[in-house]
PDB file of N, CA and C in Angstrom:
ATOM      1  N   UNK A   1       4.237 -13.186   1.970  1.00  0.00           N
ATOM      2  CA  UNK A   1       3.791 -12.259   2.965  1.00  0.00           C
ATOM      3  C   UNK A   1       2.398 -12.714   3.443  1.00  0.00           C
ATOM      4  N   UNK A   2       2.198 -12.749   4.737  1.00  0.00           N
ATOM      5  CA  UNK A   2       0.900 -13.162   5.259  1.00  0.00           C
ATOM      6  C   UNK A   2      -0.096 -11.984   5.202  1.00  0.00           C
ATOM      7  N   UNK A   3      -1.362 -12.293   5.415  1.00  0.00           N
ATOM      8  CA  UNK A   3      -2.369 -11.242   5.457  1.00  0.00           C
ATOM      9  C   UNK A   3      -2.056 -10.237   6.557  1.00  0.00           C
ATOM     10  N   UNK A   4      -1.644 -10.754   7.729  1.00  0.00           N
ATOM     11  CA  UNK A   4      -1.338  -9.876   8.855  1.00  0.00           C
ATOM     12  C   UNK A   4      -0.155  -8.960   8.539  1.00  0.00           C
ATOM     13  N   UNK A   5       0.907  -9.516   7.967  1.00  0.00           N
ATOM     14  CA  UNK A   5       2.078  -8.712   7.595  1.00  0.00           C
ATOM     15  C   UNK A   5       1.668  -7.657   6.565  1.00  0.00           C
ATOM     16  N   UNK A   6       0.835  -8.048   5.626  1.00  0.00           N
ATOM     17  CA  UNK A   6       0.351  -7.115   4.600  1.00  0.00           C
ATOM     18  C   UNK A   6      -0.440  -5.985   5.214  1.00  0.00           C
ATOM     19  N   UNK A   7      -1.326  -6.326   6.129  1.00  0.00           N
ATOM     20  CA  UNK A   7      -2.129  -5.308   6.807  1.00  0.00           C
ATOM     21  C   UNK A   7      -1.287  -4.356   7.623  1.00  0.00           C
ATOM     22  N   UNK A   8      -0.285  -4.888   8.298  1.00  0.00           N
ATOM     23  CA  UNK A   8       0.629  -4.030   9.062  1.00  0.00           C
ATOM     24  C   UNK A   8       1.387  -3.077   8.146  1.00  0.00           C
ATOM     25  N   UNK A   9       1.808  -3.564   6.991  1.00  0.00           N
ATOM     26  CA  UNK A   9       2.508  -2.711   6.037  1.00  0.00           C
ATOM     27  C   UNK A   9       1.583  -1.640   5.477  1.00  0.00           C
ATOM     28  N   UNK A  10       0.350  -1.990   5.172  1.00  0.00           N
ATOM     29  CA  UNK A  10      -0.623  -0.998   4.690  1.00  0.00           C
ATOM     30  C   UNK A  10      -0.798   0.106   5.747  1.00  0.00           C
ATOM     31  N   UNK A  11      -0.939  -0.320   7.007  1.00  0.00           N
ATOM     32  CA  UNK A  11      -1.085   0.663   8.095  1.00  0.00           C
ATOM     33  C   UNK A  11       0.141   1.578   8.184  1.00  0.00           C
ATOM     34  N   UNK A  12       1.304   0.978   8.051  1.00  0.00           N
ATOM     35  CA  UNK A  12       2.542   1.768   8.121  1.00  0.00           C
ATOM     36  C   UNK A  12       2.581   2.779   6.961  1.00  0.00           C
ATOM     37  N   UNK A  13       2.169   2.348   5.791  1.00  0.00           N
ATOM     38  CA  UNK A  13       2.118   3.246   4.620  1.00  0.00           C
ATOM     39  C   UNK A  13       1.139   4.380   4.867  1.00  0.00           C
ATOM     40  N   UNK A  14      -0.019   4.061   5.420  1.00  0.00           N
ATOM     41  CA  UNK A  14      -1.023   5.088   5.664  1.00  0.00           C
ATOM     42  C   UNK A  14      -0.575   6.106   6.721  1.00  0.00           C
ATOM     43  N   UNK A  15       0.302   5.689   7.612  1.00  0.00           N
ATOM     44  CA  UNK A  15       0.771   6.575   8.676  1.00  0.00           C
ATOM     45  C   UNK A  15       2.027   7.355   8.298  1.00  0.00           C
ATOM     46  N   UNK A  16       2.558   7.109   7.129  1.00  0.00           N
ATOM     47  CA  UNK A  16       3.789   7.813   6.716  1.00  0.00           C
ATOM     48  C   UNK A  16       3.563   9.332   6.772  1.00  0.00           C
ATOM     49  N   UNK A  17       4.417  10.034   7.483  1.00  0.00           N
ATOM     50  CA  UNK A  17       4.212  11.478   7.671  1.00  0.00           C
ATOM     51  C   UNK A  17       4.487  12.327   6.449  1.00  0.00           C
ATOM     52  N   UNK A  18       5.283  11.800   5.518  1.00  0.00           N
ATOM     53  CA  UNK A  18       5.599  12.598   4.327  1.00  0.00           C
ATOM     54  C   UNK A  18       6.053  11.657   3.196  1.00  0.00           C
ATOM     55  N   UNK A  19       6.222  12.252   2.023  1.00  0.00           N
ATOM     56  CA  UNK A  19       6.571  11.457   0.826  1.00  0.00           C
ATOM     57  C   UNK A  19       7.900  10.762   0.977  1.00  0.00           C
ATOM     58  N   UNK A  20       8.871  11.400   1.625  1.00  0.00           N
ATOM     59  CA  UNK A  20      10.188  10.818   1.812  1.00  0.00           C
ATOM     60  C   UNK A  20      10.112   9.543   2.636  1.00  0.00           C
ATOM     61  N   UNK A  21       9.373   9.594   3.737  1.00  0.00           N
ATOM     62  CA  UNK A  21       9.224   8.411   4.602  1.00  0.00           C
ATOM     63  C   UNK A  21       8.447   7.316   3.854  1.00  0.00           C
ATOM     64  N   UNK A  22       7.440   7.720   3.102  1.00  0.00           N
ATOM     65  CA  UNK A  22       6.647   6.770   2.314  1.00  0.00           C
ATOM     66  C   UNK A  22       7.532   6.020   1.315  1.00  0.00           C
ATOM     67  N   UNK A  23       8.359   6.754   0.596  1.00  0.00           N
ATOM     68  CA  UNK A  23       9.250   6.131  -0.382  1.00  0.00           C
ATOM     69  C   UNK A  23      10.227   5.169   0.297  1.00  0.00           C
ATOM     70  N   UNK A  24      10.681   5.525   1.479  1.00  0.00           N
ATOM     71  CA  UNK A  24      11.601   4.644   2.199  1.00  0.00           C
ATOM     72  C   UNK A  24      10.901   3.353   2.621  1.00  0.00           C
ATOM     73  N   UNK A  25       9.687   3.461   3.123  1.00  0.00           N
ATOM     74  CA  UNK A  25       8.914   2.276   3.505  1.00  0.00           C
ATOM     75  C   UNK A  25       8.719   1.355   2.307  1.00  0.00           C
ATOM     76  N   UNK A  26       8.335   1.937   1.184  1.00  0.00           N
ATOM     77  CA  UNK A  26       8.086   1.154  -0.026  1.00  0.00           C
ATOM     78  C   UNK A  26       9.365   0.489  -0.518  1.00  0.00           C
ATOM     79  N   UNK A  27      10.448   1.246  -0.599  1.00  0.00           N
ATOM     80  CA  UNK A  27      11.692   0.679  -1.138  1.00  0.00           C
ATOM     81  C   UNK A  27      12.252  -0.419  -0.256  1.00  0.00           C
ATOM     82  N   UNK A  28      12.137  -0.288   1.039  1.00  0.00           N
ATOM     83  CA  UNK A  28      12.639  -1.322   1.958  1.00  0.00           C
ATOM     84  C   UNK A  28      11.810  -2.588   1.837  1.00  0.00           C
ATOM     85  N   UNK A  29      10.509  -2.441   1.639  1.00  0.00           N
ATOM     86  CA  UNK A  29       9.607  -3.598   1.620  1.00  0.00           C
ATOM     87  C   UNK A  29       9.319  -4.152   0.232  1.00  0.00           C
ATOM     88  N   UNK A  30       9.720  -3.471  -0.807  1.00  0.00           N
ATOM     89  CA  UNK A  30       9.373  -3.880  -2.157  1.00  0.00           C
ATOM     90  C   UNK A  30       9.738  -5.340  -2.481  1.00  0.00           C
ATOM     91  N   UNK A  31      10.921  -5.827  -2.060  1.00  0.00           N
ATOM     92  CA  UNK A  31      11.262  -7.220  -2.397  1.00  0.00           C
ATOM     93  C   UNK A  31      10.300  -8.259  -1.850  1.00  0.00           C
ATOM     94  N   UNK A  32       9.655  -7.966  -0.718  1.00  0.00           N
ATOM     95  CA  UNK A  32       8.775  -8.975  -0.118  1.00  0.00           C
ATOM     96  C   UNK A  32       7.298  -8.764  -0.431  1.00  0.00           C
ATOM     97  N   UNK A  33       6.977  -7.705  -1.153  1.00  0.00           N
ATOM     98  CA  UNK A  33       5.595  -7.411  -1.529  1.00  0.00           C
ATOM     99  C   UNK A  33       5.164  -8.433  -2.593  1.00  0.00           C
ATOM    100  N   UNK A  34       3.971  -9.018  -2.365  1.00  0.00           N
ATOM    101  CA  UNK A  34       3.485 -10.057  -3.254  1.00  0.00           C
ATOM    102  C   UNK A  34       2.003  -9.903  -3.518  1.00  0.00           C
ATOM    103  N   UNK A  35       1.409 -10.898  -4.115  1.00  0.00           N
ATOM    104  CA  UNK A  35      -0.004 -10.875  -4.426  1.00  0.00           C
ATOM    105  C   UNK A  35      -0.896 -10.696  -3.193  1.00  0.00           C
ATOM    106  N   UNK A  36      -0.503 -11.322  -2.101  1.00  0.00           N
ATOM    107  CA  UNK A  36      -1.264 -11.183  -0.858  1.00  0.00           C
ATOM    108  C   UNK A  36      -1.291  -9.719  -0.420  1.00  0.00           C
ATOM    109  N   UNK A  37      -0.148  -9.056  -0.505  1.00  0.00           N
ATOM    110  CA  UNK A  37      -0.102  -7.650  -0.132  1.00  0.00           C
ATOM    111  C   UNK A  37      -1.035  -6.816  -1.001  1.00  0.00           C
ATOM    112  N   UNK A  38      -0.990  -7.030  -2.310  1.00  0.00           N
ATOM    113  CA  UNK A  38      -1.845  -6.229  -3.198  1.00  0.00           C
ATOM    114  C   UNK A  38      -3.329  -6.535  -2.955  1.00  0.00           C
ATOM    115  N   UNK A  39      -3.647  -7.761  -2.596  1.00  0.00           N
ATOM    116  CA  UNK A  39      -5.020  -8.115  -2.264  1.00  0.00           C
ATOM    117  C   UNK A  39      -5.478  -7.358  -0.997  1.00  0.00           C
ATOM    118  N   UNK A  40      -4.664  -7.350   0.032  1.00  0.00           N
ATOM    119  CA  UNK A  40      -4.983  -6.650   1.269  1.00  0.00           C
ATOM    120  C   UNK A  40      -5.050  -5.146   1.003  1.00  0.00           C
ATOM    121  N   UNK A  41      -4.174  -4.630   0.181  1.00  0.00           N
ATOM    122  CA  UNK A  41      -4.165  -3.218  -0.155  1.00  0.00           C
ATOM    123  C   UNK A  41      -5.464  -2.839  -0.858  1.00  0.00           C
ATOM    124  N   UNK A  42      -5.907  -3.688  -1.793  1.00  0.00           N
ATOM    125  CA  UNK A  42      -7.164  -3.434  -2.491  1.00  0.00           C
ATOM    126  C   UNK A  42      -8.339  -3.459  -1.511  1.00  0.00           C
ATOM    127  N   UNK A  43      -8.344  -4.389  -0.591  1.00  0.00           N
ATOM    128  CA  UNK A  43      -9.393  -4.441   0.430  1.00  0.00           C
ATOM    129  C   UNK A  43      -9.401  -3.173   1.267  1.00  0.00           C
ATOM    130  N   UNK A  44      -8.214  -2.659   1.568  1.00  0.00           N
ATOM    131  CA  UNK A  44      -8.120  -1.412   2.342  1.00  0.00           C
ATOM    132  C   UNK A  44      -8.687  -0.239   1.560  1.00  0.00           C
ATOM    133  N   UNK A  45      -8.426  -0.191   0.263  1.00  0.00           N
ATOM    134  CA  UNK A  45      -8.973   0.861  -0.597  1.00  0.00           C
ATOM    135  C   UNK A  45     -10.505   0.792  -0.572  1.00  0.00           C
ATOM    136  N   UNK A  46     -11.037  -0.419  -0.691  1.00  0.00           N
ATOM    137  CA  UNK A  46     -12.502  -0.583  -0.670  1.00  0.00           C
ATOM    138  C   UNK A  46     -13.094  -0.157   0.677  1.00  0.00           C
ATOM    139  N   UNK A  47     -12.388  -0.486   1.761  1.00  0.00           N
ATOM    140  CA  UNK A  47     -12.859  -0.119   3.099  1.00  0.00           C
ATOM    141  C   UNK A  47     -12.872   1.399   3.271  1.00  0.00           C
ATOM    142  N   UNK A  48     -11.832   2.066   2.778  1.00  0.00           N
ATOM    143  CA  UNK A  48     -11.773   3.530   2.860  1.00  0.00           C
ATOM    144  C   UNK A  48     -12.922   4.162   2.085  1.00  0.00           C
ATOM    145  N   UNK A  49     -13.263   3.568   0.968  1.00  0.00           N
ATOM    146  CA  UNK A  49     -14.416   4.086   0.183  1.00  0.00           C
ATOM    147  C   UNK A  49     -15.719   3.899   0.944  1.00  0.00           C
ATOM    148  N   UNK A  50     -15.874   2.753   1.592  1.00  0.00           N
ATOM    149  CA  UNK A  50     -17.073   2.514   2.384  1.00  0.00           C
ATOM    150  C   UNK A  50     -17.159   3.487   3.552  1.00  0.00           C
ATOM    151  N   UNK A  51     -16.015   3.893   4.073  1.00  0.00           N
ATOM    152  CA  UNK A  51     -15.968   4.835   5.198  1.00  0.00           C
ATOM    153  C   UNK A  51     -16.058   6.286   4.723  1.00  0.00           C
ATOM    154  N   UNK A  52     -16.336   6.474   3.440  1.00  0.00           N
ATOM    155  CA  UNK A  52     -16.448   7.807   2.833  1.00  0.00           C
ATOM    156  C   UNK A  52     -15.156   8.629   3.000  1.00  0.00           C
ATOM    157  N   UNK A  53     -14.044   7.978   2.675  1.00  0.00           N
ATOM    158  CA  UNK A  53     -12.725   8.630   2.705  1.00  0.00           C
ATOM    159  C   UNK A  53     -12.113   8.509   1.307  1.00  0.00           C
ATOM    160  N   UNK A  54     -12.752   9.119   0.305  1.00  0.00           N
ATOM    161  CA  UNK A  54     -12.306   8.922  -1.082  1.00  0.00           C
ATOM    162  C   UNK A  54     -10.885   9.444  -1.358  1.00  0.00           C
ATOM    163  N   UNK A  55     -10.480  10.506  -0.691  1.00  0.00           N
ATOM    164  CA  UNK A  55      -9.123  11.016  -0.937  1.00  0.00           C
ATOM    165  C   UNK A  55      -8.073  10.016  -0.512  1.00  0.00           C
ATOM    166  N   UNK A  56      -8.269   9.439   0.676  1.00  0.00           N
ATOM    167  CA  UNK A  56      -7.304   8.441   1.160  1.00  0.00           C
ATOM    168  C   UNK A  56      -7.340   7.197   0.260  1.00  0.00           C
ATOM    169  N   UNK A  57      -8.534   6.800  -0.154  1.00  0.00           N
ATOM    170  CA  UNK A  57      -8.668   5.622  -1.028  1.00  0.00           C
ATOM    171  C   UNK A  57      -7.939   5.837  -2.343  1.00  0.00           C
ATOM    172  N   UNK A  58      -8.141   7.023  -2.940  1.00  0.00           N
ATOM    173  CA  UNK A  58      -7.475   7.303  -4.222  1.00  0.00           C
ATOM    174  C   UNK A  58      -5.958   7.400  -4.064  1.00  0.00           C
ATOM    175  N   UNK A  59      -5.494   7.978  -2.970  1.00  0.00           N
ATOM    176  CA  UNK A  59      -4.057   8.070  -2.752  1.00  0.00           C
ATOM    177  C   UNK A  59      -3.452   6.675  -2.575  1.00  0.00           C
ATOM    178  N   UNK A  60      -4.131   5.832  -1.845  1.00  0.00           N
ATOM    179  CA  UNK A  60      -3.630   4.447  -1.645  1.00  0.00           C
ATOM    180  C   UNK A  60      -3.675   3.661  -2.941  1.00  0.00           C
ATOM    181  N   UNK A  61      -4.725   3.854  -3.720  1.00  0.00           N
ATOM    182  CA  UNK A  61      -4.839   3.180  -5.005  1.00  0.00           C
ATOM    183  C   UNK A  61      -3.740   3.634  -5.962  1.00  0.00           C
ATOM    184  N   UNK A  62      -3.461   4.914  -5.959  1.00  0.00           N
ATOM    185  CA  UNK A  62      -2.402   5.449  -6.804  1.00  0.00           C
ATOM    186  C   UNK A  62      -1.042   4.875  -6.386  1.00  0.00           C
ATOM    187  N   UNK A  63      -0.818   4.798  -5.097  1.00  0.00           N
ATOM    188  CA  UNK A  63       0.424   4.224  -4.578  1.00  0.00           C
ATOM    189  C   UNK A  63       0.515   2.744  -4.997  1.00  0.00           C
ATOM    190  N   UNK A  64      -0.595   2.050  -4.915  1.00  0.00           N
ATOM    191  CA  UNK A  64      -0.614   0.640  -5.310  1.00  0.00           C
ATOM    192  C   UNK A  64      -0.190   0.485  -6.768  1.00  0.00           C
ATOM    193  N   UNK A  65      -0.699   1.353  -7.634  1.00  0.00           N
ATOM    194  CA  UNK A  65      -0.316   1.318  -9.043  1.00  0.00           C
ATOM    195  C   UNK A  65       1.177   1.558  -9.217  1.00  0.00           C
ATOM    196  N   UNK A  66       1.704   2.551  -8.490  1.00  0.00           N
ATOM    197  CA  UNK A  66       3.157   2.837  -8.568  1.00  0.00           C
ATOM    198  C   UNK A  66       3.969   1.653  -8.090  1.00  0.00           C
ATOM    199  N   UNK A  67       3.538   1.057  -6.979  1.00  0.00           N
ATOM    200  CA  UNK A  67       4.272  -0.078  -6.416  1.00  0.00           C
ATOM    201  C   UNK A  67       4.252  -1.278  -7.377  1.00  0.00           C
ATOM    202  N   UNK A  68       3.115  -1.504  -7.998  1.00  0.00           N
ATOM    203  CA  UNK A  68       3.002  -2.614  -8.952  1.00  0.00           C
ATOM    204  C   UNK A  68       3.952  -2.386 -10.130  1.00  0.00           C
ATOM    205  N   UNK A  69       4.003  -1.152 -10.637  1.00  0.00           N
ATOM    206  CA  UNK A  69       4.936  -0.859 -11.741  1.00  0.00           C
ATOM    207  C   UNK A  69       6.391  -1.070 -11.287  1.00  0.00           C
ATOM    208  N   UNK A  70       6.706  -0.626 -10.067  1.00  0.00           N
ATOM    209  CA  UNK A  70       8.063  -0.796  -9.544  1.00  0.00           C
ATOM    210  C   UNK A  70       8.381  -2.290  -9.426  1.00  0.00           C
ATOM    211  N   UNK A  71       7.421  -3.042  -8.946  1.00  0.00           N
ATOM    212  CA  UNK A  71       7.599  -4.489  -8.726  1.00  0.00           C
ATOM    213  C   UNK A  71       7.851  -5.206 -10.046  1.00  0.00           C
ATOM    214  N   UNK A  72       7.150  -4.793 -11.109  1.00  0.00           N
ATOM    215  CA  UNK A  72       7.332  -5.459 -12.394  1.00  0.00           C
ATOM    216  C   UNK A  72       8.630  -5.080 -13.077  1.00  0.00           C
ATOM    217  N   UNK A  73       9.237  -3.991 -12.646  1.00  0.00           N
ATOM    218  CA  UNK A  73      10.526  -3.567 -13.216  1.00  0.00           C
ATOM    219  C   UNK A  73      11.698  -4.304 -12.594  1.00  0.00           C
ATOM    220  N   UNK A  74      11.476  -4.944 -11.459  1.00  0.00           N
ATOM    221  CA  UNK A  74      12.585  -5.651 -10.759  1.00  0.00           C
ATOM    222  C   UNK A  74      12.851  -6.966 -11.446  1.00  0.00           C
TER     223      UNK A  74
END
């Protein structure tokens, strides 16, 4: 996955209107999620913290942890 693809996926995740849509986005993309994606995701978390958006940062970080666990189970 390229940096740009990873960034687009992070944006899509952040725009998910509800938990059901979020889970669908994650499950569809899980096979192609890689280290580049997690690096971009971590950068996004740091950016949200710099922008004083701790709730969004924590939610994204929590999702990252869940996705990493899902990825290691495959």
